[in-house]
Amino acid sequence: MVKKTVKVRGRKGTATMDLSIPAAITREFDIERGDVFAVETDTDEKDRLVLQYTRVYDGE
């Protein structure tokens, strides 16, 4: 698994945050607008947040 770094961006007027998916990953896995992902949260042995995304709908 290749590690990529992404930055959290906020949305004005809401508590929602956005994470960008790097272009290389979107191309490799054909991720497009309209795709839906489930997100699971956990912590690792150093008590760091771990986010795991699973595509549950391919929005073709």
C-alpha atoms as a PDB file:
ATOM      1  CA  MET A   1       0.000   0.000   0.000  1.00  0.00           C
ATOM      2  CA  VAL A   2       1.385   3.404  -0.984  1.00  0.00           C
ATOM      3  CA  LYS A   3       0.950   6.169   1.589  1.00  0.00           C
ATOM      4  CA  LYS A   4      -0.273   9.571   0.426  1.00  0.00           C
ATOM      5  CA  THR A   5      -0.705  12.735   2.469  1.00  0.00           C
ATOM      6  CA  VAL A   6      -3.936  14.723   2.225  1.00  0.00           C
ATOM      7  CA  LYS A   7      -5.110  17.941   3.852  1.00  0.00           C
ATOM      8  CA  VAL A   8      -8.436  18.507   5.581  1.00  0.00           C
ATOM      9  CA  ARG A   9     -10.437  21.405   4.198  1.00  0.00           C
ATOM     10  CA  GLY A  10     -13.363  23.011   5.961  1.00  0.00           C
ATOM     11  CA  ARG A  11     -16.607  24.231   4.454  1.00  0.00           C
ATOM     12  CA  LYS A  12     -17.852  27.686   5.317  1.00  0.00           C
ATOM     13  CA  GLY A  13     -20.954  27.633   7.496  1.00  0.00           C
ATOM     14  CA  THR A  14     -20.809  23.931   8.414  1.00  0.00           C
ATOM     15  CA  ALA A  15     -18.811  21.578  10.623  1.00  0.00           C
ATOM     16  CA  THR A  16     -18.291  19.182   7.677  1.00  0.00           C
ATOM     17  CA  MET A  17     -14.701  18.597   6.596  1.00  0.00           C
ATOM     18  CA  ASP A  18     -13.424  17.404   3.208  1.00  0.00           C
ATOM     19  CA  LEU A  19     -10.459  15.131   2.457  1.00  0.00           C
ATOM     20  CA  SER A  20      -9.114  15.187  -1.088  1.00  0.00           C
ATOM     21  CA  ILE A  21      -8.396  11.915  -2.862  1.00  0.00           C
ATOM     22  CA  PRO A  22      -5.091  12.230  -4.740  1.00  0.00           C
ATOM     23  CA  ALA A  23      -5.428  12.194  -8.541  1.00  0.00           C
ATOM     24  CA  ALA A  24      -3.227   9.099  -8.935  1.00  0.00           C
ATOM     25  CA  ILE A  25      -5.616   7.113  -6.710  1.00  0.00           C
ATOM     26  CA  THR A  26      -8.743   8.396  -8.499  1.00  0.00           C
ATOM     27  CA  ARG A  27      -7.256   7.340 -11.844  1.00  0.00           C
ATOM     28  CA  GLU A  28      -6.027   3.947 -10.639  1.00  0.00           C
ATOM     29  CA  PHE A  29      -9.364   3.008  -9.066  1.00  0.00           C
ATOM     30  CA  ASP A  30     -11.671   4.945 -11.432  1.00  0.00           C
ATOM     31  CA  ILE A  31     -13.186   7.048  -8.627  1.00  0.00           C
ATOM     32  CA  GLU A  32     -15.682   9.587  -9.930  1.00  0.00           C
ATOM     33  CA  ARG A  33     -18.194  12.112  -8.652  1.00  0.00           C
ATOM     34  CA  GLY A  34     -21.270  10.341  -7.356  1.00  0.00           C
ATOM     35  CA  ASP A  35     -19.370   7.376  -5.893  1.00  0.00           C
ATOM     36  CA  VAL A  36     -20.433   6.686  -2.308  1.00  0.00           C
ATOM     37  CA  PHE A  37     -18.089   5.538   0.440  1.00  0.00           C
ATOM     38  CA  ALA A  38     -18.765   4.146   3.920  1.00  0.00           C
ATOM     39  CA  VAL A  39     -16.264   5.370   6.502  1.00  0.00           C
ATOM     40  CA  GLU A  40     -15.125   3.514   9.610  1.00  0.00           C
ATOM     41  CA  THR A  41     -13.058   5.023  12.411  1.00  0.00           C
ATOM     42  CA  ASP A  42     -10.558   3.370  14.710  1.00  0.00           C
ATOM     43  CA  THR A  43      -7.358   4.181  16.583  1.00  0.00           C
ATOM     44  CA  ASP A  44      -3.986   2.515  16.237  1.00  0.00           C
ATOM     45  CA  GLU A  45      -1.512   1.425  18.931  1.00  0.00           C
ATOM     46  CA  LYS A  46      -0.264   5.034  19.220  1.00  0.00           C
ATOM     47  CA  ASP A  47      -3.832   6.320  19.723  1.00  0.00           C
ATOM     48  CA  ARG A  48      -3.864   7.985  16.264  1.00  0.00           C
ATOM     49  CA  LEU A  49      -7.110   8.233  14.338  1.00  0.00           C
ATOM     50  CA  VAL A  50      -7.447   5.711  11.484  1.00  0.00           C
ATOM     51  CA  LEU A  51     -10.079   6.280   8.786  1.00  0.00           C
ATOM     52  CA  GLN A  52     -11.014   3.423   6.461  1.00  0.00           C
ATOM     53  CA  TYR A  53     -13.135   4.154   3.390  1.00  0.00           C
ATOM     54  CA  THR A  54     -14.986   1.451   1.444  1.00  0.00           C
ATOM     55  CA  ARG A  55     -16.719   2.241  -1.856  1.00  0.00           C
ATOM     56  CA  VAL A  56     -20.296   1.020  -1.521  1.00  0.00           C
ATOM     57  CA  TYR A  57     -21.749   2.564  -4.695  1.00  0.00           C
ATOM     58  CA  ASP A  58     -20.144   3.229  -8.066  1.00  0.00           C
ATOM     59  CA  GLY A  59     -21.961   6.329  -9.308  1.00  0.00           C
ATOM     60  CA  GLU A  60     -21.167   5.782 -13.014  1.00  0.00           C
END
